C-alpha atoms as a PDB file:
ATOM      1  CA  MET A   1     -43.522 -27.452  38.787  1.00  0.00           C
ATOM      2  CA  LEU A   2     -41.238 -30.436  39.355  1.00  0.00           C
ATOM      3  CA  ASN A   3     -41.891 -33.760  37.698  1.00  0.00           C
ATOM      4  CA  LYS A   4     -43.939 -36.413  39.452  1.00  0.00           C
ATOM      5  CA  ASP A   5     -40.967 -38.261  40.976  1.00  0.00           C
ATOM      6  CA  ALA A   6     -41.512 -36.894  44.498  1.00  0.00           C
ATOM      7  CA  LYS A   7     -38.521 -38.719  45.943  1.00  0.00           C
ATOM      8  CA  LEU A   8     -36.270 -37.249  43.268  1.00  0.00           C
ATOM      9  CA  SER A   9     -37.788 -33.797  43.798  1.00  0.00           C
ATOM     10  CA  GLU A  10     -36.909 -33.914  47.494  1.00  0.00           C
ATOM     11  CA  LYS A  11     -33.275 -34.703  46.711  1.00  0.00           C
ATOM     12  CA  ILE A  12     -32.816 -31.943  44.161  1.00  0.00           C
ATOM     13  CA  PHE A  13     -33.080 -29.050  46.598  1.00  0.00           C
ATOM     14  CA  ALA A  14     -32.230 -30.677  49.909  1.00  0.00           C
ATOM     15  CA  ASP A  15     -30.347 -28.356  52.244  1.00  0.00           C
ATOM     16  CA  ALA A  16     -27.666 -31.007  52.748  1.00  0.00           C
ATOM     17  CA  VAL A  17     -27.776 -32.920  49.481  1.00  0.00           C
ATOM     18  CA  GLU A  18     -25.518 -35.972  49.304  1.00  0.00           C
ATOM     19  CA  GLN A  19     -22.328 -35.386  47.328  1.00  0.00           C
ATOM     20  CA  ALA A  20     -19.942 -37.785  45.606  1.00  0.00           C
ATOM     21  CA  PRO A  21     -17.669 -37.726  42.548  1.00  0.00           C
ATOM     22  CA  THR A  22     -19.033 -39.461  39.468  1.00  0.00           C
ATOM     23  CA  ARG A  23     -15.834 -41.530  39.338  1.00  0.00           C
ATOM     24  CA  ASP A  24     -17.195 -43.324  42.428  1.00  0.00           C
ATOM     25  CA  GLY A  25     -20.061 -44.456  40.240  1.00  0.00           C
ATOM     26  CA  PHE A  26     -17.541 -46.165  37.973  1.00  0.00           C
ATOM     27  CA  GLY A  27     -16.004 -47.980  40.924  1.00  0.00           C
ATOM     28  CA  HIS A  28     -19.347 -49.267  42.188  1.00  0.00           C
ATOM     29  CA  GLY A  29     -20.733 -49.965  38.734  1.00  0.00           C
ATOM     30  CA  SER A  30     -17.712 -51.917  37.524  1.00  0.00           C
ATOM     31  CA  VAL A  31     -17.861 -54.203  40.556  1.00  0.00           C
ATOM     32  CA  GLU A  32     -21.591 -54.693  40.043  1.00  0.00           C
ATOM     33  CA  ALA A  33     -21.113 -55.490  36.354  1.00  0.00           C
ATOM     34  CA  GLY A  34     -18.233 -57.824  37.204  1.00  0.00           C
ATOM     35  CA  LYS A  35     -20.427 -59.844  39.550  1.00  0.00           C
ATOM     36  CA  VAL A  36     -22.994 -60.339  36.794  1.00  0.00           C
ATOM     37  CA  ASP A  37     -20.611 -61.175  33.957  1.00  0.00           C
ATOM     38  CA  ASN A  38     -17.294 -62.993  34.392  1.00  0.00           C
ATOM     39  CA  ASN A  39     -16.137 -61.569  31.064  1.00  0.00           C
ATOM     40  CA  VAL A  40     -16.008 -58.015  32.423  1.00  0.00           C
ATOM     41  CA  ILE A  41     -12.393 -56.937  32.903  1.00  0.00           C
ATOM     42  CA  VAL A  42     -10.755 -53.613  33.793  1.00  0.00           C
ATOM     43  CA  LEU A  43      -7.493 -52.235  32.410  1.00  0.00           C
ATOM     44  CA  CYS A  44      -5.765 -49.261  34.000  1.00  0.00           C
ATOM     45  CA  ALA A  45      -2.864 -47.000  33.035  1.00  0.00           C
ATOM     46  CA  ASP A  46      -1.168 -46.564  36.413  1.00  0.00           C
ATOM     47  CA  LEU A  47      -4.029 -44.608  38.008  1.00  0.00           C
ATOM     48  CA  SER A  48      -6.099 -47.259  39.757  1.00  0.00           C
ATOM     49  CA  GLU A  49      -6.712 -45.205  42.909  1.00  0.00           C
ATOM     50  CA  SER A  50      -7.679 -41.999  41.106  1.00  0.00           C
ATOM     51  CA  THR A  51      -9.958 -43.753  38.622  1.00  0.00           C
ATOM     52  CA  ARG A  52     -11.519 -46.031  41.274  1.00  0.00           C
ATOM     53  CA  ALA A  53     -10.399 -49.028  39.211  1.00  0.00           C
ATOM     54  CA  GLU A  54      -8.808 -50.304  42.418  1.00  0.00           C
ATOM     55  CA  TRP A  55     -12.286 -51.146  43.696  1.00  0.00           C
ATOM     56  CA  PHE A  56     -12.644 -53.653  40.853  1.00  0.00           C
ATOM     57  CA  GLU A  57      -9.077 -54.869  41.416  1.00  0.00           C
ATOM     58  CA  LYS A  58      -9.790 -55.681  45.071  1.00  0.00           C
ATOM     59  CA  GLU A  59     -12.924 -57.634  44.133  1.00  0.00           C
ATOM     60  CA  PHE A  60     -11.574 -59.376  41.026  1.00  0.00           C
ATOM     61  CA  PRO A  61      -7.749 -59.286  41.051  1.00  0.00           C
ATOM     62  CA  GLU A  62      -7.540 -61.948  38.345  1.00  0.00           C
ATOM     63  CA  ARG A  63      -9.579 -59.768  35.986  1.00  0.00           C
ATOM     64  CA  PHE A  64      -7.679 -56.534  36.565  1.00  0.00           C
ATOM     65  CA  ILE A  65      -4.779 -55.593  34.286  1.00  0.00           C
ATOM     66  CA  GLU A  66      -2.308 -52.833  35.104  1.00  0.00           C
ATOM     67  CA  VAL A  67      -0.662 -51.771  31.854  1.00  0.00           C
ATOM     68  CA  GLY A  68       1.400 -48.919  33.291  1.00  0.00           C
ATOM     69  CA  ILE A  69       1.751 -45.531  31.623  1.00  0.00           C
ATOM     70  CA  ALA A  70       0.925 -46.956  28.201  1.00  0.00           C
ATOM     71  CA  GLU A  71      -2.509 -45.714  27.170  1.00  0.00           C
ATOM     72  CA  GLN A  72      -2.021 -46.580  23.487  1.00  0.00           C
ATOM     73  CA  ASN A  73      -1.177 -50.169  24.373  1.00  0.00           C
ATOM     74  CA  MET A  74      -4.146 -50.283  26.743  1.00  0.00           C
ATOM     75  CA  ALA A  75      -6.576 -49.432  23.931  1.00  0.00           C
ATOM     76  CA  ALA A  76      -5.052 -51.994  21.559  1.00  0.00           C
ATOM     77  CA  LEU A  77      -5.004 -54.689  24.242  1.00  0.00           C
ATOM     78  CA  ALA A  78      -8.645 -54.027  25.035  1.00  0.00           C
ATOM     79  CA  ALA A  79      -9.613 -54.404  21.381  1.00  0.00           C
ATOM     80  CA  GLY A  80      -7.885 -57.790  21.348  1.00  0.00           C
ATOM     81  CA  PHE A  81      -9.574 -58.870  24.571  1.00  0.00           C
ATOM     82  CA  SER A  82     -12.956 -57.965  23.076  1.00  0.00           C
ATOM     83  CA  LEU A  83     -12.273 -60.264  20.122  1.00  0.00           C
ATOM     84  CA  ALA A  84     -11.776 -63.043  22.658  1.00  0.00           C
ATOM     85  CA  GLY A  85     -15.211 -62.404  24.180  1.00  0.00           C
ATOM     86  CA  LYS A  86     -14.181 -60.193  27.075  1.00  0.00           C
ATOM     87  CA  VAL A  87     -15.892 -56.908  27.997  1.00  0.00           C
ATOM     88  CA  PRO A  88     -12.971 -54.566  28.730  1.00  0.00           C
ATOM     89  CA  PHE A  89     -13.222 -51.212  30.482  1.00  0.00           C
ATOM     90  CA  ILE A  90     -10.116 -49.065  29.936  1.00  0.00           C
ATOM     91  CA  THR A  91      -9.475 -46.358  32.515  1.00  0.00           C
ATOM     92  CA  SER A  92      -7.295 -43.280  32.839  1.00  0.00           C
ATOM     93  CA  TYR A  93      -7.662 -39.523  33.032  1.00  0.00           C
ATOM     94  CA  ALA A  94      -9.643 -38.166  30.075  1.00  0.00           C
ATOM     95  CA  ALA A  95      -6.586 -36.064  29.162  1.00  0.00           C
ATOM     96  CA  PHE A  96      -4.855 -39.365  28.356  1.00  0.00           C
ATOM     97  CA  ASN A  97      -7.813 -41.618  27.529  1.00  0.00           C
ATOM     98  CA  PRO A  98      -8.884 -40.518  24.877  1.00  0.00           C
ATOM     99  CA  GLY A  99      -6.420 -37.614  24.846  1.00  0.00           C
ATOM    100  CA  ARG A 100      -3.244 -39.671  24.381  1.00  0.00           C
ATOM    101  CA  ASN A 101      -4.585 -42.805  22.694  1.00  0.00           C
ATOM    102  CA  TYR A 102      -7.103 -41.325  20.274  1.00  0.00           C
ATOM    103  CA  GLU A 103      -5.603 -42.945  17.177  1.00  0.00           C
ATOM    104  CA  GLN A 104      -5.732 -46.396  18.771  1.00  0.00           C
ATOM    105  CA  ILE A 105      -9.318 -45.812  19.899  1.00  0.00           C
ATOM    106  CA  ARG A 106     -10.231 -44.671  16.404  1.00  0.00           C
ATOM    107  CA  THR A 107      -8.582 -47.538  14.537  1.00  0.00           C
ATOM    108  CA  THR A 108      -8.648 -50.576  16.805  1.00  0.00           C
ATOM    109  CA  ILE A 109     -11.893 -49.859  18.664  1.00  0.00           C
ATOM    110  CA  ALA A 110     -14.294 -47.588  16.746  1.00  0.00           C
ATOM    111  CA  LEU A 111     -13.409 -48.707  13.218  1.00  0.00           C
ATOM    112  CA  ASN A 112     -13.698 -52.368  14.189  1.00  0.00           C
ATOM    113  CA  GLU A 113     -16.745 -51.842  16.436  1.00  0.00           C
ATOM    114  CA  SER A 114     -14.839 -53.491  19.260  1.00  0.00           C
ATOM    115  CA  ASN A 115     -16.819 -54.093  22.423  1.00  0.00           C
ATOM    116  CA  VAL A 116     -14.626 -51.809  24.530  1.00  0.00           C
ATOM    117  CA  LYS A 117     -15.751 -49.288  27.155  1.00  0.00           C
ATOM    118  CA  ILE A 118     -13.496 -46.206  27.311  1.00  0.00           C
ATOM    119  CA  CYS A 119     -13.593 -44.419  30.675  1.00  0.00           C
ATOM    120  CA  GLY A 120     -12.271 -40.858  30.782  1.00  0.00           C
ATOM    121  CA  MET A 121     -11.821 -39.741  34.383  1.00  0.00           C
ATOM    122  CA  HIS A 122     -11.122 -36.283  35.854  1.00  0.00           C
ATOM    123  CA  ALA A 123     -12.746 -34.525  32.895  1.00  0.00           C
ATOM    124  CA  GLY A 124     -13.634 -30.829  32.867  1.00  0.00           C
ATOM    125  CA  VAL A 125     -12.335 -27.832  34.792  1.00  0.00           C
ATOM    126  CA  SER A 126     -13.652 -29.252  38.077  1.00  0.00           C
ATOM    127  CA  VAL A 127     -10.457 -31.325  38.308  1.00  0.00           C
ATOM    128  CA  GLY A 128      -9.383 -28.105  40.020  1.00  0.00           C
ATOM    129  CA  PRO A 129      -5.741 -27.624  41.077  1.00  0.00           C
ATOM    130  CA  ASP A 130      -4.400 -30.092  38.486  1.00  0.00           C
ATOM    131  CA  GLY A 131      -4.609 -27.284  35.941  1.00  0.00           C
ATOM    132  CA  ALA A 132      -4.913 -27.005  32.183  1.00  0.00           C
ATOM    133  CA  THR A 133      -2.882 -30.089  31.234  1.00  0.00           C
ATOM    134  CA  HIS A 134      -5.292 -32.366  33.090  1.00  0.00           C
ATOM    135  CA  GLN A 135      -8.557 -30.472  32.546  1.00  0.00           C
ATOM    136  CA  MET A 136      -9.828 -32.250  29.441  1.00  0.00           C
ATOM    137  CA  LEU A 137     -12.395 -30.047  27.689  1.00  0.00           C
ATOM    138  CA  GLU A 138     -12.351 -31.527  24.186  1.00  0.00           C
ATOM    139  CA  ASP A 139     -13.163 -35.219  24.723  1.00  0.00           C
ATOM    140  CA  ILE A 140     -16.899 -35.115  23.990  1.00  0.00           C
ATOM    141  CA  GLY A 141     -16.185 -33.566  20.608  1.00  0.00           C
ATOM    142  CA  LEU A 142     -13.444 -36.075  19.825  1.00  0.00           C
ATOM    143  CA  MET A 143     -15.522 -39.091  20.747  1.00  0.00           C
ATOM    144  CA  ARG A 144     -18.899 -38.132  19.310  1.00  0.00           C
ATOM    145  CA  MET A 145     -17.307 -37.645  15.891  1.00  0.00           C
ATOM    146  CA  LEU A 146     -16.196 -41.286  15.787  1.00  0.00           C
ATOM    147  CA  PRO A 147     -18.553 -43.597  13.880  1.00  0.00           C
ATOM    148  CA  ASN A 148     -19.982 -46.444  16.002  1.00  0.00           C
ATOM    149  CA  MET A 149     -19.149 -44.660  19.282  1.00  0.00           C
ATOM    150  CA  VAL A 150     -21.736 -44.123  22.030  1.00  0.00           C
ATOM    151  CA  VAL A 151     -21.007 -41.156  24.338  1.00  0.00           C
ATOM    152  CA  VAL A 152     -22.384 -41.004  27.899  1.00  0.00           C
ATOM    153  CA  VAL A 153     -21.844 -38.229  30.477  1.00  0.00           C
ATOM    154  CA  PRO A 154     -23.557 -39.190  33.767  1.00  0.00           C
ATOM    155  CA  GLY A 155     -25.034 -36.455  35.942  1.00  0.00           C
ATOM    156  CA  ASP A 156     -24.106 -37.848  39.348  1.00  0.00           C
ATOM    157  CA  ALA A 157     -22.479 -40.826  41.038  1.00  0.00           C
ATOM    158  CA  GLU A 158     -25.680 -42.875  41.128  1.00  0.00           C
ATOM    159  CA  GLU A 159     -26.375 -42.346  37.438  1.00  0.00           C
ATOM    160  CA  ALA A 160     -22.710 -43.109  36.717  1.00  0.00           C
ATOM    161  CA  ARG A 161     -23.109 -46.490  38.407  1.00  0.00           C
ATOM    162  CA  LYS A 162     -26.120 -47.272  36.244  1.00  0.00           C
ATOM    163  CA  ALA A 163     -24.323 -46.087  33.117  1.00  0.00           C
ATOM    164  CA  VAL A 164     -21.407 -48.456  33.740  1.00  0.00           C
ATOM    165  CA  VAL A 165     -23.752 -51.388  34.304  1.00  0.00           C
ATOM    166  CA  ALA A 166     -25.672 -50.506  31.130  1.00  0.00           C
ATOM    167  CA  ALA A 167     -22.461 -50.107  29.119  1.00  0.00           C
ATOM    168  CA  ALA A 168     -21.343 -53.591  30.163  1.00  0.00           C
ATOM    169  CA  THR A 169     -24.355 -55.120  28.424  1.00  0.00           C
ATOM    170  CA  TYR A 170     -24.285 -52.843  25.373  1.00  0.00           C
ATOM    171  CA  LYS A 171     -22.585 -54.451  22.363  1.00  0.00           C
ATOM    172  CA  GLY A 172     -20.144 -51.982  20.893  1.00  0.00           C
ATOM    173  CA  PRO A 173     -17.770 -49.162  21.854  1.00  0.00           C
ATOM    174  CA  VAL A 174     -18.884 -46.722  24.549  1.00  0.00           C
ATOM    175  CA  TYR A 175     -17.187 -43.621  25.934  1.00  0.00           C
ATOM    176  CA  LEU A 176     -18.051 -42.793  29.561  1.00  0.00           C
ATOM    177  CA  ARG A 177     -17.007 -39.439  31.060  1.00  0.00           C
ATOM    178  CA  PHE A 178     -16.453 -39.016  34.803  1.00  0.00           C
ATOM    179  CA  GLY A 179     -15.439 -36.213  37.170  1.00  0.00           C
ATOM    180  CA  ARG A 180     -13.071 -35.995  40.111  1.00  0.00           C
ATOM    181  CA  SER A 181     -14.712 -33.461  42.422  1.00  0.00           C
ATOM    182  CA  THR A 182     -17.697 -34.198  44.603  1.00  0.00           C
ATOM    183  CA  THR A 183     -20.977 -33.049  43.056  1.00  0.00           C
ATOM    184  CA  PRO A 184     -24.612 -33.295  44.183  1.00  0.00           C
ATOM    185  CA  THR A 185     -26.337 -36.642  43.813  1.00  0.00           C
ATOM    186  CA  PHE A 186     -29.723 -35.579  42.449  1.00  0.00           C
ATOM    187  CA  THR A 187     -31.022 -38.938  41.215  1.00  0.00           C
ATOM    188  CA  THR A 188     -32.047 -42.013  43.194  1.00  0.00           C
ATOM    189  CA  ARG A 189     -31.634 -45.760  42.682  1.00  0.00           C
ATOM    190  CA  GLU A 190     -35.186 -45.757  41.333  1.00  0.00           C
ATOM    191  CA  THR A 191     -34.586 -42.989  38.781  1.00  0.00           C
ATOM    192  CA  PRO A 192     -34.638 -44.649  35.352  1.00  0.00           C
ATOM    193  CA  PHE A 193     -31.540 -44.758  33.168  1.00  0.00           C
ATOM    194  CA  SER A 194     -31.178 -46.129  29.654  1.00  0.00           C
ATOM    195  CA  ILE A 195     -28.531 -45.405  27.054  1.00  0.00           C
ATOM    196  CA  GLY A 196     -30.038 -42.957  24.573  1.00  0.00           C
ATOM    197  CA  LYS A 197     -32.720 -41.616  26.921  1.00  0.00           C
ATOM    198  CA  SER A 198     -33.010 -38.248  28.657  1.00  0.00           C
ATOM    199  CA  LEU A 199     -34.584 -37.316  31.990  1.00  0.00           C
ATOM    200  CA  LEU A 200     -37.036 -34.460  32.530  1.00  0.00           C
ATOM    201  CA  LEU A 201     -36.074 -32.897  35.862  1.00  0.00           C
ATOM    202  CA  TRP A 202     -38.141 -29.706  35.860  1.00  0.00           C
ATOM    203  CA  LYS A 203     -41.197 -28.794  33.836  1.00  0.00           C
ATOM    204  CA  THR A 204     -43.727 -25.996  33.580  1.00  0.00           C
ATOM    205  CA  ASP A 205     -46.898 -25.681  31.562  1.00  0.00           C
ATOM    206  CA  LYS A 206     -45.687 -22.867  29.303  1.00  0.00           C
ATOM    207  CA  PRO A 207     -41.864 -22.769  29.361  1.00  0.00           C
ATOM    208  CA  GLN A 208     -40.222 -19.668  27.971  1.00  0.00           C
ATOM    209  CA  VAL A 209     -36.807 -21.334  27.896  1.00  0.00           C
ATOM    210  CA  ALA A 210     -35.595 -24.935  27.827  1.00  0.00           C
ATOM    211  CA  LEU A 211     -32.416 -25.713  29.762  1.00  0.00           C
ATOM    212  CA  LEU A 212     -30.735 -28.741  28.181  1.00  0.00           C
ATOM    213  CA  SER A 213     -27.854 -30.021  30.264  1.00  0.00           C
ATOM    214  CA  THR A 214     -25.462 -32.923  30.583  1.00  0.00           C
ATOM    215  CA  GLY A 215     -23.158 -34.212  33.295  1.00  0.00           C
ATOM    216  CA  SER A 216     -22.999 -32.817  36.806  1.00  0.00           C
ATOM    217  CA  LEU A 217     -23.924 -29.310  35.600  1.00  0.00           C
ATOM    218  CA  SER A 218     -27.513 -30.511  35.394  1.00  0.00           C
ATOM    219  CA  HIS A 219     -27.710 -29.635  39.075  1.00  0.00           C
ATOM    220  CA  GLN A 220     -26.646 -26.084  38.227  1.00  0.00           C
ATOM    221  CA  ALA A 221     -29.406 -26.063  35.610  1.00  0.00           C
ATOM    222  CA  LEU A 222     -31.923 -26.995  38.307  1.00  0.00           C
ATOM    223  CA  LEU A 223     -30.711 -24.195  40.560  1.00  0.00           C
ATOM    224  CA  ALA A 224     -31.047 -21.838  37.597  1.00  0.00           C
ATOM    225  CA  ALA A 225     -34.603 -23.023  36.957  1.00  0.00           C
ATOM    226  CA  ARG A 226     -35.560 -22.245  40.535  1.00  0.00           C
ATOM    227  CA  ALA A 227     -33.974 -18.804  40.279  1.00  0.00           C
ATOM    228  CA  LEU A 228     -35.800 -18.102  37.018  1.00  0.00           C
ATOM    229  CA  GLN A 229     -39.067 -19.166  38.611  1.00  0.00           C
ATOM    230  CA  SER A 230     -38.585 -16.487  41.279  1.00  0.00           C
ATOM    231  CA  GLU A 231     -38.470 -13.971  38.405  1.00  0.00           C
ATOM    232  CA  ASN A 232     -41.635 -15.425  36.857  1.00  0.00           C
ATOM    233  CA  ILE A 233     -39.678 -16.957  33.996  1.00  0.00           C
ATOM    234  CA  GLU A 234     -40.905 -20.472  33.317  1.00  0.00           C
ATOM    235  CA  SER A 235     -38.417 -23.070  32.203  1.00  0.00           C
ATOM    236  CA  THR A 236     -37.866 -26.756  31.526  1.00  0.00           C
ATOM    237  CA  VAL A 237     -34.772 -28.720  32.537  1.00  0.00           C
ATOM    238  CA  LEU A 238     -33.970 -31.766  30.415  1.00  0.00           C
ATOM    239  CA  HIS A 239     -30.974 -33.779  31.613  1.00  0.00           C
ATOM    240  CA  ILE A 240     -29.314 -35.569  28.686  1.00  0.00           C
ATOM    241  CA  PRO A 241     -26.688 -38.082  29.830  1.00  0.00           C
ATOM    242  CA  THR A 242     -26.350 -39.728  26.410  1.00  0.00           C
ATOM    243  CA  ILE A 243     -24.856 -37.298  23.912  1.00  0.00           C
ATOM    244  CA  LYS A 244     -24.643 -39.918  21.194  1.00  0.00           C
ATOM    245  CA  PRO A 245     -27.172 -41.137  20.278  1.00  0.00           C
ATOM    246  CA  LEU A 246     -29.312 -38.170  21.301  1.00  0.00           C
ATOM    247  CA  ASP A 247     -32.860 -38.586  22.572  1.00  0.00           C
ATOM    248  CA  GLU A 248     -34.133 -36.622  19.593  1.00  0.00           C
ATOM    249  CA  ASP A 249     -37.851 -36.926  20.316  1.00  0.00           C
ATOM    250  CA  ALA A 250     -37.531 -35.533  23.844  1.00  0.00           C
ATOM    251  CA  ILE A 251     -35.225 -32.719  22.743  1.00  0.00           C
ATOM    252  CA  LEU A 252     -37.477 -31.666  19.884  1.00  0.00           C
ATOM    253  CA  GLU A 253     -40.522 -31.762  22.138  1.00  0.00           C
ATOM    254  CA  VAL A 254     -39.090 -29.355  24.724  1.00  0.00           C
ATOM    255  CA  ALA A 255     -37.555 -27.137  22.028  1.00  0.00           C
ATOM    256  CA  THR A 256     -40.924 -26.874  20.283  1.00  0.00           C
ATOM    257  CA  ARG A 257     -42.706 -25.808  23.458  1.00  0.00           C
ATOM    258  CA  ALA A 258     -40.106 -23.227  24.542  1.00  0.00           C
ATOM    259  CA  ARG A 259     -39.174 -19.903  22.938  1.00  0.00           C
ATOM    260  CA  ALA A 260     -35.431 -20.536  23.326  1.00  0.00           C
ATOM    261  CA  VAL A 261     -32.896 -23.186  24.333  1.00  0.00           C
ATOM    262  CA  VAL A 262     -29.829 -22.968  26.567  1.00  0.00           C
ATOM    263  CA  THR A 263     -27.377 -25.884  26.549  1.00  0.00           C
ATOM    264  CA  ILE A 264     -25.053 -26.468  29.510  1.00  0.00           C
ATOM    265  CA  GLU A 265     -21.844 -28.510  29.610  1.00  0.00           C
ATOM    266  CA  GLU A 266     -18.447 -28.635  31.323  1.00  0.00           C
ATOM    267  CA  HIS A 267     -16.620 -28.750  27.990  1.00  0.00           C
ATOM    268  CA  GLN A 268     -15.584 -26.487  25.148  1.00  0.00           C
ATOM    269  CA  ALA A 269     -18.665 -24.816  23.702  1.00  0.00           C
ATOM    270  CA  ALA A 270     -17.321 -25.733  20.266  1.00  0.00           C
ATOM    271  CA  GLY A 271     -17.858 -29.296  19.124  1.00  0.00           C
ATOM    272  CA  GLY A 272     -19.411 -30.761  22.258  1.00  0.00           C
ATOM    273  CA  PHE A 273     -22.872 -31.318  23.680  1.00  0.00           C
ATOM    274  CA  GLY A 274     -24.228 -27.892  22.728  1.00  0.00           C
ATOM    275  CA  SER A 275     -22.982 -28.321  19.189  1.00  0.00           C
ATOM    276  CA  ALA A 276     -24.747 -31.678  18.952  1.00  0.00           C
ATOM    277  CA  ILE A 277     -28.002 -30.038  20.054  1.00  0.00           C
ATOM    278  CA  ALA A 278     -27.475 -27.124  17.639  1.00  0.00           C
ATOM    279  CA  GLU A 279     -26.962 -29.529  14.738  1.00  0.00           C
ATOM    280  CA  LEU A 280     -30.177 -31.375  15.560  1.00  0.00           C
ATOM    281  CA  LEU A 281     -32.248 -28.205  15.954  1.00  0.00           C
ATOM    282  CA  ALA A 282     -30.813 -26.597  12.821  1.00  0.00           C
ATOM    283  CA  GLU A 283     -31.990 -29.558  10.763  1.00  0.00           C
ATOM    284  CA  LYS A 284     -35.324 -30.348  12.425  1.00  0.00           C
ATOM    285  CA  GLN A 285     -36.510 -27.457  14.641  1.00  0.00           C
ATOM    286  CA  PRO A 286     -34.665 -24.145  14.165  1.00  0.00           C
ATOM    287  CA  THR A 287     -34.612 -22.508  17.585  1.00  0.00           C
ATOM    288  CA  ARG A 288     -32.936 -19.492  19.158  1.00  0.00           C
ATOM    289  CA  MET A 289     -30.266 -20.847  21.495  1.00  0.00           C
ATOM    290  CA  TYR A 290     -27.123 -20.186  23.517  1.00  0.00           C
ATOM    291  CA  ARG A 291     -24.401 -22.673  24.482  1.00  0.00           C
ATOM    292  CA  VAL A 292     -23.089 -22.409  28.041  1.00  0.00           C
ATOM    293  CA  GLY A 293     -19.590 -23.874  27.937  1.00  0.00           C
ATOM    294  CA  VAL A 294     -15.927 -22.951  27.967  1.00  0.00           C
ATOM    295  CA  ARG A 295     -15.324 -20.404  25.221  1.00  0.00           C
ATOM    296  CA  ASP A 296     -12.116 -21.277  23.351  1.00  0.00           C
ATOM    297  CA  GLN A 297      -9.886 -21.349  26.441  1.00  0.00           C
ATOM    298  CA  PHE A 298      -7.777 -23.827  28.318  1.00  0.00           C
ATOM    299  CA  GLY A 299      -8.345 -24.398  32.013  1.00  0.00           C
ATOM    300  CA  GLN A 300      -6.214 -23.245  34.941  1.00  0.00           C
ATOM    301  CA  SER A 301      -5.563 -24.169  38.552  1.00  0.00           C
ATOM    302  CA  GLY A 302      -8.150 -23.324  41.168  1.00  0.00           C
ATOM    303  CA  SER A 303     -10.859 -24.885  43.269  1.00  0.00           C
ATOM    304  CA  PRO A 304     -13.658 -26.635  41.351  1.00  0.00           C
ATOM    305  CA  GLU A 305     -16.199 -24.063  42.539  1.00  0.00           C
ATOM    306  CA  GLU A 306     -14.003 -21.128  41.536  1.00  0.00           C
ATOM    307  CA  LEU A 307     -13.393 -22.549  38.083  1.00  0.00           C
ATOM    308  CA  ILE A 308     -17.032 -23.425  37.393  1.00  0.00           C
ATOM    309  CA  ALA A 309     -17.907 -19.806  38.214  1.00  0.00           C
ATOM    310  CA  HIS A 310     -14.912 -18.296  36.396  1.00  0.00           C
ATOM    311  CA  TYR A 311     -15.731 -20.045  33.116  1.00  0.00           C
ATOM    312  CA  GLY A 312     -19.403 -19.118  33.281  1.00  0.00           C
ATOM    313  CA  LEU A 313     -20.773 -22.595  33.908  1.00  0.00           C
ATOM    314  CA  ASP A 314     -22.740 -22.021  37.110  1.00  0.00           C
ATOM    315  CA  ALA A 315     -26.396 -21.263  37.783  1.00  0.00           C
ATOM    316  CA  ILE A 316     -25.754 -17.517  37.641  1.00  0.00           C
ATOM    317  CA  ALA A 317     -24.386 -17.776  34.103  1.00  0.00           C
ATOM    318  CA  ILE A 318     -27.261 -20.014  33.043  1.00  0.00           C
ATOM    319  CA  VAL A 319     -29.818 -17.517  34.374  1.00  0.00           C
ATOM    320  CA  ASP A 320     -28.055 -14.666  32.569  1.00  0.00           C
ATOM    321  CA  ALA A 321     -28.103 -16.624  29.297  1.00  0.00           C
ATOM    322  CA  ALA A 322     -31.795 -17.463  29.673  1.00  0.00           C
ATOM    323  CA  ARG A 323     -32.726 -13.868  30.444  1.00  0.00           C
ATOM    324  CA  ALA A 324     -30.819 -12.558  27.433  1.00  0.00           C
ATOM    325  CA  LEU A 325     -32.410 -15.068  25.061  1.00  0.00           C
ATOM    326  CA  ILE A 326     -36.034 -14.440  26.004  1.00  0.00           C
ATOM    327  CA  LYS A 327     -35.574 -10.655  25.759  1.00  0.00           C
ATOM    328  CA  LYS A 328     -34.624 -10.914  22.086  1.00  0.00           C
END
């Protein structure tokens, strides 16, 4: 059965569920955070429209800084601004931020625990026609390996808004990952969000498999759970927007109750969210599992829906993985 949040339950499987890109959540959240704290500033590397940084620029032009195509400088500038008491958000495509400026993020931000919020937009294969060069599939792995770095992958535009507001008040470096394509909004304004906490979206009394998901693919996990239910396979769906630090207690609880675990992410299967879960379970609760993710490939041009299906990231692939695990 679904959890007790009836309003949330209605949204999950609505025939015409609201859709929006998670990058919109950054635009709304940055403006909201800027109204609360005058120290919040936004830096952009020549992509203000695509990143939704222009929404902050229109509201607070004196606190918006366009650095041009200079992502390395943007990271270093932000570290300096943080030393002066500002709360900088740096924005660009994830392929460039952290893809192009990783060394500056590592040295000037993570090493020094600078209070900088790194926003990687257009992540994953769902960027669509932009193709492999812009479909960043390695950023979660890069960022979660950095000491002092928090890593957040919101599930929908509403959760993205909350994540940005929460990041503005968190003291220390945070990486926030956003998507370009429209995806279902399956949470509400009342749905709780805290950095480091997960959200139980679907639960059954005796789950055979636990579906652990992050980002917008959590909606695919919910569709998979409904499909599994029609086959009399009970499951749990735990949405985990914070990949570092993990909500270890919640993860271990669902892993203990289920016979197997499937992790779901729009990222390389190696080194990302699924790897983080595997590391935790290997040390504290050895569990049979499978990682749904991109398997050692670059992306390619196509529609977001085509690519999600092609790389085995949709509900059909999740159901297949769950079936295979519980038959072992």
